[in-house]
Amino acid sequence: MTYLDYYKIILGKVSFDPQLFSKEYLKAKQILKSNEVGDLNSWIQAKGLSSHLGNQTSLIS
């Protein structure tokens, strides 16, 4: 399992709490390579979870 897969699982499990989701997303951005962050951002948007980032929409770049 890659870190990308790991964070997809974690973010899916914490999607009930936008604050926790944002915290885990920031952790993922620190760990993942830039191309993996792009893949994670695409996954977040495809799952309709980007609203969980609230005012932090600039996090998705």
PDB file of N, CA and C in Angstrom:
ATOM      1  N   MET A   1       0.847  -1.177   0.000  1.00  0.00           N
ATOM      2  CA  MET A   1       0.000   0.000   0.000  1.00  0.00           C
ATOM      3  C   MET A   1       0.893   1.242   0.000  1.00  0.00           C
ATOM      4  N   THR A   2       0.528   2.196  -0.843  1.00  0.00           N
ATOM      5  CA  THR A   2       1.287   3.443  -0.910  1.00  0.00           C
ATOM      6  C   THR A   2       0.713   4.448   0.083  1.00  0.00           C
ATOM      7  N   TYR A   3       1.474   5.496   0.333  1.00  0.00           N
ATOM      8  CA  TYR A   3       0.964   6.566   1.194  1.00  0.00           C
ATOM      9  C   TYR A   3      -0.272   7.205   0.587  1.00  0.00           C
ATOM     10  N   LEU A   4      -0.317   7.291  -0.732  1.00  0.00           N
ATOM     11  CA  LEU A   4      -1.492   7.857  -1.389  1.00  0.00           C
ATOM     12  C   LEU A   4      -2.724   7.018  -1.064  1.00  0.00           C
ATOM     13  N   ASP A   5      -2.607   5.714  -1.201  1.00  0.00           N
ATOM     14  CA  ASP A   5      -3.731   4.834  -0.862  1.00  0.00           C
ATOM     15  C   ASP A   5      -4.103   4.965   0.608  1.00  0.00           C
ATOM     16  N   TYR A   6      -3.093   5.035   1.454  1.00  0.00           N
ATOM     17  CA  TYR A   6      -3.308   5.173   2.896  1.00  0.00           C
ATOM     18  C   TYR A   6      -4.123   6.432   3.203  1.00  0.00           C
ATOM     19  N   TYR A   7      -3.730   7.558   2.623  1.00  0.00           N
ATOM     20  CA  TYR A   7      -4.436   8.806   2.911  1.00  0.00           C
ATOM     21  C   TYR A   7      -5.824   8.848   2.285  1.00  0.00           C
ATOM     22  N   LYS A   8      -6.035   8.157   1.192  1.00  0.00           N
ATOM     23  CA  LYS A   8      -7.395   8.065   0.650  1.00  0.00           C
ATOM     24  C   LYS A   8      -8.296   7.336   1.647  1.00  0.00           C
ATOM     25  N   ILE A   9      -7.782   6.279   2.238  1.00  0.00           N
ATOM     26  CA  ILE A   9      -8.557   5.539   3.239  1.00  0.00           C
ATOM     27  C   ILE A   9      -8.829   6.416   4.454  1.00  0.00           C
ATOM     28  N   ILE A  10      -7.782   7.083   4.961  1.00  0.00           N
ATOM     29  CA  ILE A  10      -7.928   7.929   6.145  1.00  0.00           C
ATOM     30  C   ILE A  10      -8.924   9.056   5.876  1.00  0.00           C
ATOM     31  N   LEU A  11      -8.771   9.737   4.755  1.00  0.00           N
ATOM     32  CA  LEU A  11      -9.667  10.857   4.452  1.00  0.00           C
ATOM     33  C   LEU A  11     -11.103  10.375   4.263  1.00  0.00           C
ATOM     34  N   GLY A  12     -11.275   9.204   3.696  1.00  0.00           N
ATOM     35  CA  GLY A  12     -12.612   8.646   3.568  1.00  0.00           C
ATOM     36  C   GLY A  12     -13.239   8.376   4.925  1.00  0.00           C
ATOM     37  N   LYS A  13     -12.427   7.906   5.860  1.00  0.00           N
ATOM     38  CA  LYS A  13     -12.938   7.567   7.186  1.00  0.00           C
ATOM     39  C   LYS A  13     -13.222   8.794   8.050  1.00  0.00           C
ATOM     40  N   VAL A  14     -12.515   9.891   7.823  1.00  0.00           N
ATOM     41  CA  VAL A  14     -12.727  11.092   8.643  1.00  0.00           C
ATOM     42  C   VAL A  14     -13.592  12.137   7.933  1.00  0.00           C
ATOM     43  N   SER A  15     -14.193  11.748   6.833  1.00  0.00           N
ATOM     44  CA  SER A  15     -14.973  12.716   6.051  1.00  0.00           C
ATOM     45  C   SER A  15     -16.218  13.206   6.791  1.00  0.00           C
ATOM     46  N   PHE A  16     -16.569  12.575   7.904  1.00  0.00           N
ATOM     47  CA  PHE A  16     -17.711  13.018   8.703  1.00  0.00           C
ATOM     48  C   PHE A  16     -17.422  14.314   9.455  1.00  0.00           C
ATOM     49  N   ASP A  17     -16.130  14.670   9.587  1.00  0.00           N
ATOM     50  CA  ASP A  17     -15.719  15.845  10.360  1.00  0.00           C
ATOM     51  C   ASP A  17     -14.812  16.725   9.502  1.00  0.00           C
ATOM     52  N   PRO A  18     -15.344  17.830   8.963  1.00  0.00           N
ATOM     53  CA  PRO A  18     -14.540  18.684   8.084  1.00  0.00           C
ATOM     54  C   PRO A  18     -13.239  19.186   8.715  1.00  0.00           C
ATOM     55  N   GLN A  19     -13.243  19.467  10.010  1.00  0.00           N
ATOM     56  CA  GLN A  19     -12.024  19.958  10.662  1.00  0.00           C
ATOM     57  C   GLN A  19     -10.954  18.868  10.694  1.00  0.00           C
ATOM     58  N   LEU A  20     -11.345  17.674  11.034  1.00  0.00           N
ATOM     59  CA  LEU A  20     -10.418  16.544  11.048  1.00  0.00           C
ATOM     60  C   LEU A  20      -9.953  16.209   9.637  1.00  0.00           C
ATOM     61  N   PHE A  21     -10.862  16.308   8.679  1.00  0.00           N
ATOM     62  CA  PHE A  21     -10.524  16.073   7.280  1.00  0.00           C
ATOM     63  C   PHE A  21      -9.425  17.030   6.829  1.00  0.00           C
ATOM     64  N   SER A  22      -9.580  18.313   7.162  1.00  0.00           N
ATOM     65  CA  SER A  22      -8.573  19.314   6.790  1.00  0.00           C
ATOM     66  C   SER A  22      -7.231  19.026   7.439  1.00  0.00           C
ATOM     67  N   LYS A  23      -7.260  18.622   8.704  1.00  0.00           N
ATOM     68  CA  LYS A  23      -6.022  18.309   9.424  1.00  0.00           C
ATOM     69  C   LYS A  23      -5.295  17.145   8.759  1.00  0.00           C
ATOM     70  N   GLU A  24      -6.032  16.106   8.415  1.00  0.00           N
ATOM     71  CA  GLU A  24      -5.413  14.936   7.776  1.00  0.00           C
ATOM     72  C   GLU A  24      -4.950  15.267   6.358  1.00  0.00           C
ATOM     73  N   TYR A  25      -5.673  16.141   5.680  1.00  0.00           N
ATOM     74  CA  TYR A  25      -5.271  16.562   4.340  1.00  0.00           C
ATOM     75  C   TYR A  25      -3.919  17.287   4.398  1.00  0.00           C
ATOM     76  N   LEU A  26      -3.767  18.160   5.384  1.00  0.00           N
ATOM     77  CA  LEU A  26      -2.490  18.872   5.525  1.00  0.00           C
ATOM     78  C   LEU A  26      -1.344  17.906   5.804  1.00  0.00           C
ATOM     79  N   LYS A  27      -1.590  16.901   6.616  1.00  0.00           N
ATOM     80  CA  LYS A  27      -0.569  15.877   6.874  1.00  0.00           C
ATOM     81  C   LYS A  27      -0.195  15.171   5.574  1.00  0.00           C
ATOM     82  N   ALA A  28      -1.209  14.830   4.800  1.00  0.00           N
ATOM     83  CA  ALA A  28      -0.973  14.131   3.535  1.00  0.00           C
ATOM     84  C   ALA A  28      -0.117  14.989   2.602  1.00  0.00           C
ATOM     85  N   LYS A  29      -0.415  16.288   2.531  1.00  0.00           N
ATOM     86  CA  LYS A  29       0.360  17.173   1.654  1.00  0.00           C
ATOM     87  C   LYS A  29       1.827  17.234   2.048  1.00  0.00           C
ATOM     88  N   GLN A  30       2.113  17.066   3.335  1.00  0.00           N
ATOM     89  CA  GLN A  30       3.500  17.101   3.790  1.00  0.00           C
ATOM     90  C   GLN A  30       4.242  15.812   3.437  1.00  0.00           C
ATOM     91  N   ILE A  31       3.537  14.707   3.419  1.00  0.00           N
ATOM     92  CA  ILE A  31       4.149  13.401   3.211  1.00  0.00           C
ATOM     93  C   ILE A  31       4.259  13.030   1.730  1.00  0.00           C
ATOM     94  N   LEU A  32       3.205  13.319   0.976  1.00  0.00           N
ATOM     95  CA  LEU A  32       3.128  12.870  -0.406  1.00  0.00           C
ATOM     96  C   LEU A  32       4.011  13.683  -1.341  1.00  0.00           C
ATOM     97  N   LYS A  33       4.409  13.053  -2.435  1.00  0.00           N
ATOM     98  CA  LYS A  33       5.135  13.744  -3.506  1.00  0.00           C
ATOM     99  C   LYS A  33       4.147  14.631  -4.249  1.00  0.00           C
ATOM    100  N   SER A  34       4.640  15.618  -4.962  1.00  0.00           N
ATOM    101  CA  SER A  34       3.758  16.597  -5.607  1.00  0.00           C
ATOM    102  C   SER A  34       2.791  15.952  -6.594  1.00  0.00           C
ATOM    103  N   ASN A  35       3.243  14.955  -7.352  1.00  0.00           N
ATOM    104  CA  ASN A  35       2.326  14.302  -8.290  1.00  0.00           C
ATOM    105  C   ASN A  35       1.259  13.495  -7.544  1.00  0.00           C
ATOM    106  N   GLU A  36       1.606  12.957  -6.379  1.00  0.00           N
ATOM    107  CA  GLU A  36       0.630  12.229  -5.571  1.00  0.00           C
ATOM    108  C   GLU A  36      -0.391  13.183  -4.956  1.00  0.00           C
ATOM    109  N   VAL A  37       0.051  14.382  -4.586  1.00  0.00           N
ATOM    110  CA  VAL A  37      -0.884  15.387  -4.070  1.00  0.00           C
ATOM    111  C   VAL A  37      -1.901  15.737  -5.151  1.00  0.00           C
ATOM    112  N   GLY A  38      -1.447  15.851  -6.374  1.00  0.00           N
ATOM    113  CA  GLY A  38      -2.360  16.107  -7.481  1.00  0.00           C
ATOM    114  C   GLY A  38      -3.378  14.987  -7.641  1.00  0.00           C
ATOM    115  N   ASP A  39      -2.922  13.755  -7.524  1.00  0.00           N
ATOM    116  CA  ASP A  39      -3.837  12.609  -7.600  1.00  0.00           C
ATOM    117  C   ASP A  39      -4.824  12.626  -6.435  1.00  0.00           C
ATOM    118  N   LEU A  40      -4.340  12.975  -5.249  1.00  0.00           N
ATOM    119  CA  LEU A  40      -5.211  13.042  -4.081  1.00  0.00           C
ATOM    120  C   LEU A  40      -6.253  14.149  -4.252  1.00  0.00           C
ATOM    121  N   ASN A  41      -5.836  15.290  -4.773  1.00  0.00           N
ATOM    122  CA  ASN A  41      -6.771  16.394  -5.019  1.00  0.00           C
ATOM    123  C   ASN A  41      -7.858  15.974  -6.009  1.00  0.00           C
ATOM    124  N   SER A  42      -7.466  15.259  -7.047  1.00  0.00           N
ATOM    125  CA  SER A  42      -8.444  14.769  -8.024  1.00  0.00           C
ATOM    126  C   SER A  42      -9.423  13.806  -7.367  1.00  0.00           C
ATOM    127  N   TRP A  43      -8.918  12.944  -6.503  1.00  0.00           N
ATOM    128  CA  TRP A  43      -9.755  11.984  -5.785  1.00  0.00           C
ATOM    129  C   TRP A  43     -10.746  12.715  -4.879  1.00  0.00           C
ATOM    130  N   ILE A  44     -10.260  13.741  -4.167  1.00  0.00           N
ATOM    131  CA  ILE A  44     -11.118  14.519  -3.266  1.00  0.00           C
ATOM    132  C   ILE A  44     -12.244  15.173  -4.063  1.00  0.00           C
ATOM    133  N   GLN A  45     -11.912  15.754  -5.197  1.00  0.00           N
ATOM    134  CA  GLN A  45     -12.925  16.412  -6.018  1.00  0.00           C
ATOM    135  C   GLN A  45     -13.906  15.396  -6.595  1.00  0.00           C
ATOM    136  N   ALA A  46     -13.414  14.242  -7.039  1.00  0.00           N
ATOM    137  CA  ALA A  46     -14.279  13.208  -7.608  1.00  0.00           C
ATOM    138  C   ALA A  46     -15.253  12.660  -6.569  1.00  0.00           C
ATOM    139  N   LYS A  47     -14.813  12.593  -5.319  1.00  0.00           N
ATOM    140  CA  LYS A  47     -15.665  12.094  -4.235  1.00  0.00           C
ATOM    141  C   LYS A  47     -16.588  13.180  -3.681  1.00  0.00           C
ATOM    142  N   GLY A  48     -16.431  14.415  -4.151  1.00  0.00           N
ATOM    143  CA  GLY A  48     -17.266  15.510  -3.672  1.00  0.00           C
ATOM    144  C   GLY A  48     -16.904  15.960  -2.266  1.00  0.00           C
ATOM    145  N   LEU A  49     -15.655  15.773  -1.882  1.00  0.00           N
ATOM    146  CA  LEU A  49     -15.217  16.100  -0.525  1.00  0.00           C
ATOM    147  C   LEU A  49     -14.482  17.431  -0.425  1.00  0.00           C
ATOM    148  N   SER A  50     -14.324  18.121  -1.532  1.00  0.00           N
ATOM    149  CA  SER A  50     -13.562  19.379  -1.486  1.00  0.00           C
ATOM    150  C   SER A  50     -14.247  20.420  -0.608  1.00  0.00           C
ATOM    151  N   SER A  51     -15.557  20.311  -0.433  1.00  0.00           N
ATOM    152  CA  SER A  51     -16.263  21.257   0.444  1.00  0.00           C
ATOM    153  C   SER A  51     -15.850  21.069   1.901  1.00  0.00           C
ATOM    154  N   HIS A  52     -15.292  19.915   2.232  1.00  0.00           N
ATOM    155  CA  HIS A  52     -14.837  19.650   3.598  1.00  0.00           C
ATOM    156  C   HIS A  52     -13.630  20.510   3.972  1.00  0.00           C
ATOM    157  N   LEU A  53     -13.006  21.094   2.974  1.00  0.00           N
ATOM    158  CA  LEU A  53     -11.847  21.940   3.244  1.00  0.00           C
ATOM    159  C   LEU A  53     -12.275  23.368   3.547  1.00  0.00           C
ATOM    160  N   GLY A  54     -13.563  23.663   3.422  1.00  0.00           N
ATOM    161  CA  GLY A  54     -14.109  24.965   3.807  1.00  0.00           C
ATOM    162  C   GLY A  54     -13.412  26.118   3.149  1.00  0.00           C
ATOM    163  N   ASN A  55     -12.950  27.058   3.976  1.00  0.00           N
ATOM    164  CA  ASN A  55     -12.265  28.250   3.475  1.00  0.00           C
ATOM    165  C   ASN A  55     -10.847  27.942   3.029  1.00  0.00           C
ATOM    166  N   GLN A  56     -10.446  26.728   3.192  1.00  0.00           N
ATOM    167  CA  GLN A  56      -9.086  26.337   2.849  1.00  0.00           C
ATOM    168  C   GLN A  56      -9.003  25.781   1.433  1.00  0.00           C
ATOM    169  N   THR A  57      -9.867  26.244   0.548  1.00  0.00           N
ATOM    170  CA  THR A  57      -9.879  25.733  -0.821  1.00  0.00           C
ATOM    171  C   THR A  57      -8.570  25.994  -1.536  1.00  0.00           C
ATOM    172  N   SER A  58      -7.778  26.933  -1.045  1.00  0.00           N
ATOM    173  CA  SER A  58      -6.474  27.178  -1.652  1.00  0.00           C
ATOM    174  C   SER A  58      -5.518  26.031  -1.375  1.00  0.00           C
ATOM    175  N   LEU A  59      -5.893  25.134  -0.473  1.00  0.00           N
ATOM    176  CA  LEU A  59      -5.045  23.970  -0.194  1.00  0.00           C
ATOM    177  C   LEU A  59      -4.968  23.068  -1.414  1.00  0.00           C
ATOM    178  N   ILE A  60      -6.047  23.020  -2.193  1.00  0.00           N
ATOM    179  CA  ILE A  60      -6.026  22.206  -3.390  1.00  0.00           C
ATOM    180  C   ILE A  60      -5.400  23.036  -4.493  1.00  0.00           C
ATOM    181  N   SER A  61      -4.202  22.641  -4.885  1.00  0.00           N
ATOM    182  CA  SER A  61      -3.486  23.417  -5.903  1.00  0.00           C
ATOM    183  C   SER A  61      -2.959  22.508  -6.984  1.00  0.00           C
TER     184      SER A  61
END
